Amino acid sequence: MSRKIHISAVVLTRDNATVIERCLTSVRWAEEVVVIDDFSVDKTVGIAKKFGGRIFRRHLNNDWAAQRNFALRQAQGKWVLFIDSDEVVSPALRDEILNLQFTIYNQFSSFKIQRRDVLWGRKLKYGESGNIKLLRLAKRSAGKWQRAVHEYWDVKGRVGTLKNELVHYPHQTLKQFITQINFHSSLHAKENAKEGKKSSIIKIITYPVFKFFLNYILRLGLLDGIHGFVAAAIMSWHSFIAWSKMYIWQKN
């Protein structure tokens, strides 16, 4: 690069001691690392301090958009890269970000990044995981995060797409996977209700079936073997639980 791009890497944490070191190691190249911690009771904060990051403690209150917007206000870089505690910036992605020409950064306000899930030791290339591109790198002033759950970065300007991937290590056990799906399905149902969406018996039956068909057949999740089947089945179950909870709340 002919000129240096100042990038802040932002990580949201809560009791992530088992994965945070791997995450922070992958962003040591950033000019600044900002950690927003939801009052962890394990060794997360202590580990983060070893990396010299700027650490802020703030209650999440199940509002991921508000937490990320708080992080934007703390970050000092012109550009901000958001990475979750169970994610890793691959060496190829790191090099791509660092080697982009300054003129390219001037042409875009943000970039989408391909994310690949590694489920129980296998990197998923197809299904829902193989089709996820997340807007995670943007100018700090380009926009704000919206929606408490399943949040998204609402930015203005031209959006580019990077070639290399962010690696995601979610739910390292089946029990953890199911627990998280149950928790997030409740939050998702509440957010849908807030937006005026309605559930029905038809949605409870058809949406999960369609989601499984989409991820396992149309998006070729079957090519990921048993891992692809499990991923498609559990995401379908997430849909079933979320719409079912919403239907019960409507009736009560």
C-alpha atoms as a PDB file:
ATOM      1  CA  MET A   1       0.000   0.000   0.000  1.00  0.00           C
ATOM      2  CA  SER A   2       1.226   3.465  -0.801  1.00  0.00           C
ATOM      3  CA  ARG A   3      -0.469   4.824   2.305  1.00  0.00           C
ATOM      4  CA  LYS A   4      -1.314   3.146   5.587  1.00  0.00           C
ATOM      5  CA  ILE A   5      -4.946   2.333   6.371  1.00  0.00           C
ATOM      6  CA  HIS A   6      -5.768   2.637  10.063  1.00  0.00           C
ATOM      7  CA  ILE A   7      -7.976  -0.290  11.095  1.00  0.00           C
ATOM      8  CA  SER A   8      -9.544  -1.004  14.482  1.00  0.00           C
ATOM      9  CA  ALA A   9     -10.445  -4.647  15.129  1.00  0.00           C
ATOM     10  CA  VAL A  10     -13.471  -4.987  17.429  1.00  0.00           C
ATOM     11  CA  VAL A  11     -14.411  -8.106  19.406  1.00  0.00           C
ATOM     12  CA  LEU A  12     -17.502  -8.574  21.607  1.00  0.00           C
ATOM     13  CA  THR A  13     -16.966 -10.990  24.491  1.00  0.00           C
ATOM     14  CA  ARG A  14     -18.650 -12.771  27.368  1.00  0.00           C
ATOM     15  CA  ASP A  15     -17.031 -15.758  29.075  1.00  0.00           C
ATOM     16  CA  ASN A  16     -15.014 -16.677  25.995  1.00  0.00           C
ATOM     17  CA  ALA A  17     -11.768 -17.688  27.709  1.00  0.00           C
ATOM     18  CA  THR A  18     -11.518 -20.930  25.717  1.00  0.00           C
ATOM     19  CA  VAL A  19     -11.515 -19.196  22.313  1.00  0.00           C
ATOM     20  CA  ILE A  20     -10.552 -15.537  22.772  1.00  0.00           C
ATOM     21  CA  GLU A  21      -6.777 -16.047  22.502  1.00  0.00           C
ATOM     22  CA  ARG A  22      -7.085 -17.668  19.087  1.00  0.00           C
ATOM     23  CA  CYS A  23      -9.351 -14.833  17.955  1.00  0.00           C
ATOM     24  CA  LEU A  24      -7.143 -11.990  19.199  1.00  0.00           C
ATOM     25  CA  THR A  25      -3.998 -13.614  17.831  1.00  0.00           C
ATOM     26  CA  SER A  26      -5.549 -13.419  14.359  1.00  0.00           C
ATOM     27  CA  VAL A  27      -6.018  -9.622  14.564  1.00  0.00           C
ATOM     28  CA  ARG A  28      -2.721  -8.598  16.174  1.00  0.00           C
ATOM     29  CA  TRP A  29      -1.820  -6.848  12.926  1.00  0.00           C
ATOM     30  CA  ALA A  30      -4.568  -4.223  13.397  1.00  0.00           C
ATOM     31  CA  GLU A  31      -3.504  -0.757  14.544  1.00  0.00           C
ATOM     32  CA  GLU A  32      -5.952  -1.072  17.437  1.00  0.00           C
ATOM     33  CA  VAL A  33      -7.908  -3.880  19.097  1.00  0.00           C
ATOM     34  CA  VAL A  34     -11.083  -2.943  20.982  1.00  0.00           C
ATOM     35  CA  VAL A  35     -12.753  -5.507  23.264  1.00  0.00           C
ATOM     36  CA  ILE A  36     -16.299  -4.867  24.509  1.00  0.00           C
ATOM     37  CA  ASP A  37     -16.878  -7.292  27.372  1.00  0.00           C
ATOM     38  CA  ASP A  38     -20.281  -8.180  28.834  1.00  0.00           C
ATOM     39  CA  PHE A  39     -18.902  -8.607  32.376  1.00  0.00           C
ATOM     40  CA  SER A  40     -17.235 -11.985  31.901  1.00  0.00           C
ATOM     41  CA  VAL A  41     -16.686 -14.034  35.058  1.00  0.00           C
ATOM     42  CA  ASP A  42     -14.004 -16.288  33.560  1.00  0.00           C
ATOM     43  CA  LYS A  43     -10.494 -15.335  32.380  1.00  0.00           C
ATOM     44  CA  THR A  44     -11.606 -13.592  29.176  1.00  0.00           C
ATOM     45  CA  VAL A  45     -10.605 -10.075  30.248  1.00  0.00           C
ATOM     46  CA  GLY A  46      -7.261 -11.211  31.653  1.00  0.00           C
ATOM     47  CA  ILE A  47      -6.389 -12.918  28.381  1.00  0.00           C
ATOM     48  CA  ALA A  48      -7.482  -9.874  26.371  1.00  0.00           C
ATOM     49  CA  LYS A  49      -5.248  -7.596  28.447  1.00  0.00           C
ATOM     50  CA  LYS A  50      -2.209  -9.632  27.404  1.00  0.00           C
ATOM     51  CA  PHE A  51      -2.831  -8.515  23.834  1.00  0.00           C
ATOM     52  CA  GLY A  52      -2.749  -4.843  24.748  1.00  0.00           C
ATOM     53  CA  GLY A  53      -6.262  -4.160  23.576  1.00  0.00           C
ATOM     54  CA  ARG A  54      -8.495  -1.357  24.805  1.00  0.00           C
ATOM     55  CA  ILE A  55     -11.100  -3.069  27.002  1.00  0.00           C
ATOM     56  CA  PHE A  56     -14.521  -1.675  27.843  1.00  0.00           C
ATOM     57  CA  ARG A  57     -17.121  -3.373  30.033  1.00  0.00           C
ATOM     58  CA  ARG A  58     -20.765  -2.890  29.110  1.00  0.00           C
ATOM     59  CA  HIS A  59     -23.912  -4.953  29.652  1.00  0.00           C
ATOM     60  CA  LEU A  60     -25.132  -6.540  26.431  1.00  0.00           C
ATOM     61  CA  ASN A  61     -28.791  -6.747  27.505  1.00  0.00           C
ATOM     62  CA  ASN A  62     -29.416  -9.049  24.526  1.00  0.00           C
ATOM     63  CA  ASP A  63     -28.993  -6.129  22.108  1.00  0.00           C
ATOM     64  CA  TRP A  64     -26.089  -6.886  19.797  1.00  0.00           C
ATOM     65  CA  ALA A  65     -26.658  -3.829  17.593  1.00  0.00           C
ATOM     66  CA  ALA A  66     -26.407  -1.453  20.565  1.00  0.00           C
ATOM     67  CA  GLN A  67     -23.233  -3.217  21.739  1.00  0.00           C
ATOM     68  CA  ARG A  68     -21.641  -2.907  18.311  1.00  0.00           C
ATOM     69  CA  ASN A  69     -22.655   0.751  17.994  1.00  0.00           C
ATOM     70  CA  PHE A  70     -21.034   1.392  21.375  1.00  0.00           C
ATOM     71  CA  ALA A  71     -17.889  -0.215  19.977  1.00  0.00           C
ATOM     72  CA  LEU A  72     -17.985   2.093  16.949  1.00  0.00           C
ATOM     73  CA  ARG A  73     -17.972   5.078  19.297  1.00  0.00           C
ATOM     74  CA  GLN A  74     -14.886   3.748  21.104  1.00  0.00           C
ATOM     75  CA  ALA A  75     -12.882   2.752  18.023  1.00  0.00           C
ATOM     76  CA  GLN A  76     -10.336   5.258  16.753  1.00  0.00           C
ATOM     77  CA  GLY A  77      -9.435   3.796  13.358  1.00  0.00           C
ATOM     78  CA  LYS A  78     -10.902   5.210  10.159  1.00  0.00           C
ATOM     79  CA  TRP A  79     -11.902   1.632   9.289  1.00  0.00           C
ATOM     80  CA  VAL A  80     -13.392  -0.943  11.665  1.00  0.00           C
ATOM     81  CA  LEU A  81     -13.275  -4.730  11.374  1.00  0.00           C
ATOM     82  CA  PHE A  82     -15.814  -6.603  13.509  1.00  0.00           C
ATOM     83  CA  ILE A  83     -14.926 -10.173  14.464  1.00  0.00           C
ATOM     84  CA  ASP A  84     -16.716 -12.460  16.913  1.00  0.00           C
ATOM     85  CA  SER A  85     -14.826 -14.214  19.698  1.00  0.00           C
ATOM     86  CA  ASP A  86     -15.277 -17.621  18.017  1.00  0.00           C
ATOM     87  CA  GLU A  87     -13.980 -16.372  14.671  1.00  0.00           C
ATOM     88  CA  VAL A  88     -10.484 -16.126  13.205  1.00  0.00           C
ATOM     89  CA  VAL A  89      -9.142 -13.884  10.455  1.00  0.00           C
ATOM     90  CA  SER A  90      -7.343 -16.268   8.122  1.00  0.00           C
ATOM     91  CA  PRO A  91      -3.773 -15.334   7.101  1.00  0.00           C
ATOM     92  CA  ALA A  92      -4.984 -14.923   3.515  1.00  0.00           C
ATOM     93  CA  LEU A  93      -7.747 -12.521   4.592  1.00  0.00           C
ATOM     94  CA  ARG A  94      -5.294 -10.578   6.748  1.00  0.00           C
ATOM     95  CA  ASP A  95      -2.914 -10.176   3.822  1.00  0.00           C
ATOM     96  CA  GLU A  96      -5.728  -9.173   1.485  1.00  0.00           C
ATOM     97  CA  ILE A  97      -6.928  -6.450   3.866  1.00  0.00           C
ATOM     98  CA  LEU A  98      -3.418  -5.120   4.440  1.00  0.00           C
ATOM     99  CA  ASN A  99      -2.439  -5.200   0.774  1.00  0.00           C
ATOM    100  CA  LEU A 100      -5.480  -3.489  -0.714  1.00  0.00           C
ATOM    101  CA  GLN A 101      -4.430  -0.329  -2.490  1.00  0.00           C
ATOM    102  CA  PHE A 102      -5.333   2.969  -0.845  1.00  0.00           C
ATOM    103  CA  THR A 103      -7.287   3.887  -3.980  1.00  0.00           C
ATOM    104  CA  ILE A 104      -9.490   0.799  -3.489  1.00  0.00           C
ATOM    105  CA  TYR A 105     -10.306   1.867   0.065  1.00  0.00           C
ATOM    106  CA  ASN A 106     -11.304   5.264  -1.308  1.00  0.00           C
ATOM    107  CA  GLN A 107     -13.699   3.673  -3.809  1.00  0.00           C
ATOM    108  CA  PHE A 108     -15.660   1.688  -1.209  1.00  0.00           C
ATOM    109  CA  SER A 109     -17.285   2.434   2.138  1.00  0.00           C
ATOM    110  CA  SER A 110     -17.459  -1.211   3.241  1.00  0.00           C
ATOM    111  CA  PHE A 111     -16.594  -4.802   2.362  1.00  0.00           C
ATOM    112  CA  LYS A 112     -18.392  -8.119   2.721  1.00  0.00           C
ATOM    113  CA  ILE A 113     -16.396 -11.142   3.832  1.00  0.00           C
ATOM    114  CA  GLN A 114     -17.082 -14.828   3.192  1.00  0.00           C
ATOM    115  CA  ARG A 115     -17.411 -16.747   6.462  1.00  0.00           C
ATOM    116  CA  ARG A 116     -16.767 -20.485   6.662  1.00  0.00           C
ATOM    117  CA  ASP A 117     -17.981 -22.581   9.578  1.00  0.00           C
ATOM    118  CA  VAL A 118     -15.767 -25.309  10.996  1.00  0.00           C
ATOM    119  CA  LEU A 119     -18.179 -27.770  12.581  1.00  0.00           C
ATOM    120  CA  TRP A 120     -16.534 -30.410  14.783  1.00  0.00           C
ATOM    121  CA  GLY A 121     -13.298 -30.304  12.841  1.00  0.00           C
ATOM    122  CA  ARG A 122     -14.738 -30.074   9.329  1.00  0.00           C
ATOM    123  CA  LYS A 123     -14.881 -26.879   7.300  1.00  0.00           C
ATOM    124  CA  LEU A 124     -18.311 -26.574   5.692  1.00  0.00           C
ATOM    125  CA  LYS A 125     -18.141 -25.526   2.042  1.00  0.00           C
ATOM    126  CA  TYR A 126     -21.817 -25.764   1.171  1.00  0.00           C
ATOM    127  CA  GLY A 127     -25.253 -25.251   2.714  1.00  0.00           C
ATOM    128  CA  GLU A 128     -25.996 -22.111   4.685  1.00  0.00           C
ATOM    129  CA  SER A 129     -22.379 -21.733   5.776  1.00  0.00           C
ATOM    130  CA  GLY A 130     -21.100 -21.827   2.214  1.00  0.00           C
ATOM    131  CA  ASN A 131     -23.364 -18.950   1.223  1.00  0.00           C
ATOM    132  CA  ILE A 132     -22.716 -16.501   4.061  1.00  0.00           C
ATOM    133  CA  LYS A 133     -21.110 -13.177   3.195  1.00  0.00           C
ATOM    134  CA  LEU A 134     -21.098 -10.738   6.097  1.00  0.00           C
ATOM    135  CA  LEU A 135     -20.487  -7.004   6.030  1.00  0.00           C
ATOM    136  CA  ARG A 136     -17.758  -6.761   8.654  1.00  0.00           C
ATOM    137  CA  LEU A 137     -15.223  -4.206   7.402  1.00  0.00           C
ATOM    138  CA  ALA A 138     -16.347  -0.611   6.906  1.00  0.00           C
ATOM    139  CA  LYS A 139     -15.479   2.996   7.461  1.00  0.00           C
ATOM    140  CA  ARG A 140     -16.322   3.877  11.049  1.00  0.00           C
ATOM    141  CA  SER A 141     -18.535   6.748   9.877  1.00  0.00           C
ATOM    142  CA  ALA A 142     -20.343   4.768   7.158  1.00  0.00           C
ATOM    143  CA  GLY A 143     -23.362   3.706   9.210  1.00  0.00           C
ATOM    144  CA  LYS A 144     -24.805   2.033  12.286  1.00  0.00           C
ATOM    145  CA  TRP A 145     -25.838  -1.449  13.327  1.00  0.00           C
ATOM    146  CA  GLN A 146     -29.558  -2.239  13.299  1.00  0.00           C
ATOM    147  CA  ARG A 147     -31.758  -4.910  14.935  1.00  0.00           C
ATOM    148  CA  ALA A 148     -31.089  -6.285  18.420  1.00  0.00           C
ATOM    149  CA  VAL A 149     -30.832  -9.923  17.252  1.00  0.00           C
ATOM    150  CA  HIS A 150     -29.476 -11.087  13.878  1.00  0.00           C
ATOM    151  CA  GLU A 151     -28.098  -7.579  13.637  1.00  0.00           C
ATOM    152  CA  TYR A 152     -26.771  -6.030  10.444  1.00  0.00           C
ATOM    153  CA  TRP A 153     -24.499  -3.099   9.637  1.00  0.00           C
ATOM    154  CA  ASP A 154     -26.565  -0.521   7.754  1.00  0.00           C
ATOM    155  CA  VAL A 155     -23.965   1.438   5.794  1.00  0.00           C
ATOM    156  CA  LYS A 156     -24.106   4.003   3.017  1.00  0.00           C
ATOM    157  CA  GLY A 157     -21.905   3.947  -0.035  1.00  0.00           C
ATOM    158  CA  ARG A 158     -20.401   1.349  -2.315  1.00  0.00           C
ATOM    159  CA  VAL A 159     -19.962  -2.180  -0.934  1.00  0.00           C
ATOM    160  CA  GLY A 160     -17.123  -4.418  -2.094  1.00  0.00           C
ATOM    161  CA  THR A 161     -16.468  -8.126  -1.500  1.00  0.00           C
ATOM    162  CA  LEU A 162     -13.166  -9.582  -0.321  1.00  0.00           C
ATOM    163  CA  LYS A 163     -11.901 -12.845  -1.808  1.00  0.00           C
ATOM    164  CA  ASN A 164     -10.587 -14.571   1.311  1.00  0.00           C
ATOM    165  CA  GLU A 165     -12.435 -15.945   4.303  1.00  0.00           C
ATOM    166  CA  LEU A 166     -13.207 -15.463   7.941  1.00  0.00           C
ATOM    167  CA  VAL A 167     -13.149 -18.810   9.767  1.00  0.00           C
ATOM    168  CA  HIS A 168     -15.906 -19.502  12.313  1.00  0.00           C
ATOM    169  CA  TYR A 169     -15.713 -22.175  15.034  1.00  0.00           C
ATOM    170  CA  PRO A 170     -19.292 -22.331  16.378  1.00  0.00           C
ATOM    171  CA  HIS A 171     -20.805 -24.740  18.883  1.00  0.00           C
ATOM    172  CA  GLN A 172     -17.925 -27.116  19.507  1.00  0.00           C
ATOM    173  CA  THR A 173     -20.282 -29.717  21.020  1.00  0.00           C
ATOM    174  CA  LEU A 174     -23.793 -30.790  20.024  1.00  0.00           C
ATOM    175  CA  LYS A 175     -25.066 -29.803  23.480  1.00  0.00           C
ATOM    176  CA  GLN A 176     -23.637 -26.305  23.067  1.00  0.00           C
ATOM    177  CA  PHE A 177     -25.160 -26.082  19.590  1.00  0.00           C
ATOM    178  CA  ILE A 178     -28.656 -26.986  20.835  1.00  0.00           C
ATOM    179  CA  THR A 179     -28.413 -24.703  23.887  1.00  0.00           C
ATOM    180  CA  GLN A 180     -27.435 -21.716  21.747  1.00  0.00           C
ATOM    181  CA  ILE A 181     -30.135 -22.421  19.172  1.00  0.00           C
ATOM    182  CA  ASN A 182     -32.762 -22.571  21.926  1.00  0.00           C
ATOM    183  CA  PHE A 183     -31.539 -19.281  23.421  1.00  0.00           C
ATOM    184  CA  HIS A 184     -31.293 -17.389  20.141  1.00  0.00           C
ATOM    185  CA  SER A 185     -34.619 -18.699  18.837  1.00  0.00           C
ATOM    186  CA  SER A 186     -36.356 -16.977  21.764  1.00  0.00           C
ATOM    187  CA  LEU A 187     -34.623 -13.684  21.016  1.00  0.00           C
ATOM    188  CA  HIS A 188     -35.344 -14.046  17.306  1.00  0.00           C
ATOM    189  CA  ALA A 189     -39.029 -14.702  17.973  1.00  0.00           C
ATOM    190  CA  LYS A 190     -39.290 -11.608  20.171  1.00  0.00           C
ATOM    191  CA  GLU A 191     -37.571  -9.450  17.568  1.00  0.00           C
ATOM    192  CA  ASN A 192     -39.908 -10.733  14.843  1.00  0.00           C
ATOM    193  CA  ALA A 193     -42.892  -9.909  17.045  1.00  0.00           C
ATOM    194  CA  LYS A 194     -41.535  -6.393  17.617  1.00  0.00           C
ATOM    195  CA  GLU A 195     -41.374  -5.907  13.863  1.00  0.00           C
ATOM    196  CA  GLY A 196     -45.039  -6.863  13.550  1.00  0.00           C
ATOM    197  CA  LYS A 197     -44.495 -10.306  12.053  1.00  0.00           C
ATOM    198  CA  LYS A 198     -47.038 -13.033  12.773  1.00  0.00           C
ATOM    199  CA  SER A 199     -46.644 -16.767  13.203  1.00  0.00           C
ATOM    200  CA  SER A 200     -49.102 -19.442  12.099  1.00  0.00           C
ATOM    201  CA  ILE A 201     -49.440 -23.211  11.937  1.00  0.00           C
ATOM    202  CA  ILE A 202     -48.626 -23.041   8.230  1.00  0.00           C
ATOM    203  CA  LYS A 203     -45.377 -21.153   8.900  1.00  0.00           C
ATOM    204  CA  ILE A 204     -44.433 -23.531  11.717  1.00  0.00           C
ATOM    205  CA  ILE A 205     -44.770 -26.481   9.325  1.00  0.00           C
ATOM    206  CA  THR A 206     -43.527 -25.069   6.019  1.00  0.00           C
ATOM    207  CA  TYR A 207     -40.668 -22.736   6.977  1.00  0.00           C
ATOM    208  CA  PRO A 208     -38.477 -25.411   8.640  1.00  0.00           C
ATOM    209  CA  VAL A 209     -39.087 -27.860   5.777  1.00  0.00           C
ATOM    210  CA  PHE A 210     -38.186 -25.240   3.185  1.00  0.00           C
ATOM    211  CA  LYS A 211     -35.103 -24.174   5.149  1.00  0.00           C
ATOM    212  CA  PHE A 212     -33.812 -27.751   5.286  1.00  0.00           C
ATOM    213  CA  PHE A 213     -34.504 -28.265   1.565  1.00  0.00           C
ATOM    214  CA  LEU A 214     -32.789 -24.967   0.735  1.00  0.00           C
ATOM    215  CA  ASN A 215     -29.637 -25.645   2.746  1.00  0.00           C
ATOM    216  CA  TYR A 216     -29.270 -29.382   2.247  1.00  0.00           C
ATOM    217  CA  ILE A 217     -30.431 -29.777  -1.368  1.00  0.00           C
ATOM    218  CA  LEU A 218     -30.395 -26.463  -3.247  1.00  0.00           C
ATOM    219  CA  ARG A 219     -27.255 -25.170  -1.519  1.00  0.00           C
ATOM    220  CA  LEU A 220     -25.660 -28.638  -1.724  1.00  0.00           C
ATOM    221  CA  GLY A 221     -25.181 -29.141   2.014  1.00  0.00           C
ATOM    222  CA  LEU A 222     -25.278 -32.875   1.300  1.00  0.00           C
ATOM    223  CA  LEU A 223     -21.763 -32.558  -0.154  1.00  0.00           C
ATOM    224  CA  ASP A 224     -20.480 -31.758   3.355  1.00  0.00           C
ATOM    225  CA  GLY A 225     -21.436 -35.269   4.472  1.00  0.00           C
ATOM    226  CA  ILE A 226     -22.913 -35.944   7.912  1.00  0.00           C
ATOM    227  CA  HIS A 227     -21.694 -32.535   9.103  1.00  0.00           C
ATOM    228  CA  GLY A 228     -23.742 -30.858   6.384  1.00  0.00           C
ATOM    229  CA  PHE A 229     -26.803 -32.908   7.311  1.00  0.00           C
ATOM    230  CA  VAL A 230     -26.518 -32.031  11.016  1.00  0.00           C
ATOM    231  CA  ALA A 231     -26.004 -28.333  10.246  1.00  0.00           C
ATOM    232  CA  ALA A 232     -29.050 -28.227   7.946  1.00  0.00           C
ATOM    233  CA  ALA A 233     -31.205 -30.181  10.412  1.00  0.00           C
ATOM    234  CA  ILE A 234     -30.371 -27.981  13.390  1.00  0.00           C
ATOM    235  CA  MET A 235     -30.896 -24.735  11.479  1.00  0.00           C
ATOM    236  CA  SER A 236     -34.260 -26.110  10.374  1.00  0.00           C
ATOM    237  CA  TRP A 237     -35.015 -26.909  14.013  1.00  0.00           C
ATOM    238  CA  HIS A 238     -34.078 -23.322  14.906  1.00  0.00           C
ATOM    239  CA  SER A 239     -36.729 -22.104  12.467  1.00  0.00           C
ATOM    240  CA  PHE A 240     -39.318 -24.504  13.912  1.00  0.00           C
ATOM    241  CA  ILE A 241     -38.605 -23.454  17.518  1.00  0.00           C
ATOM    242  CA  ALA A 242     -38.592 -19.712  16.753  1.00  0.00           C
ATOM    243  CA  TRP A 243     -41.918 -19.714  14.899  1.00  0.00           C
ATOM    244  CA  SER A 244     -43.473 -22.094  17.461  1.00  0.00           C
ATOM    245  CA  LYS A 245     -42.471 -19.872  20.389  1.00  0.00           C
ATOM    246  CA  MET A 246     -43.830 -16.845  18.600  1.00  0.00           C
ATOM    247  CA  TYR A 247     -47.140 -18.631  17.929  1.00  0.00           C
ATOM    248  CA  ILE A 248     -47.507 -19.620  21.602  1.00  0.00           C
ATOM    249  CA  TRP A 249     -46.761 -16.059  22.750  1.00  0.00           C
ATOM    250  CA  GLN A 250     -49.372 -14.711  20.343  1.00  0.00           C
ATOM    251  CA  LYS A 251     -52.001 -17.064  21.772  1.00  0.00           C
ATOM    252  CA  ASN A 252     -51.119 -16.158  25.365  1.00  0.00           C
END
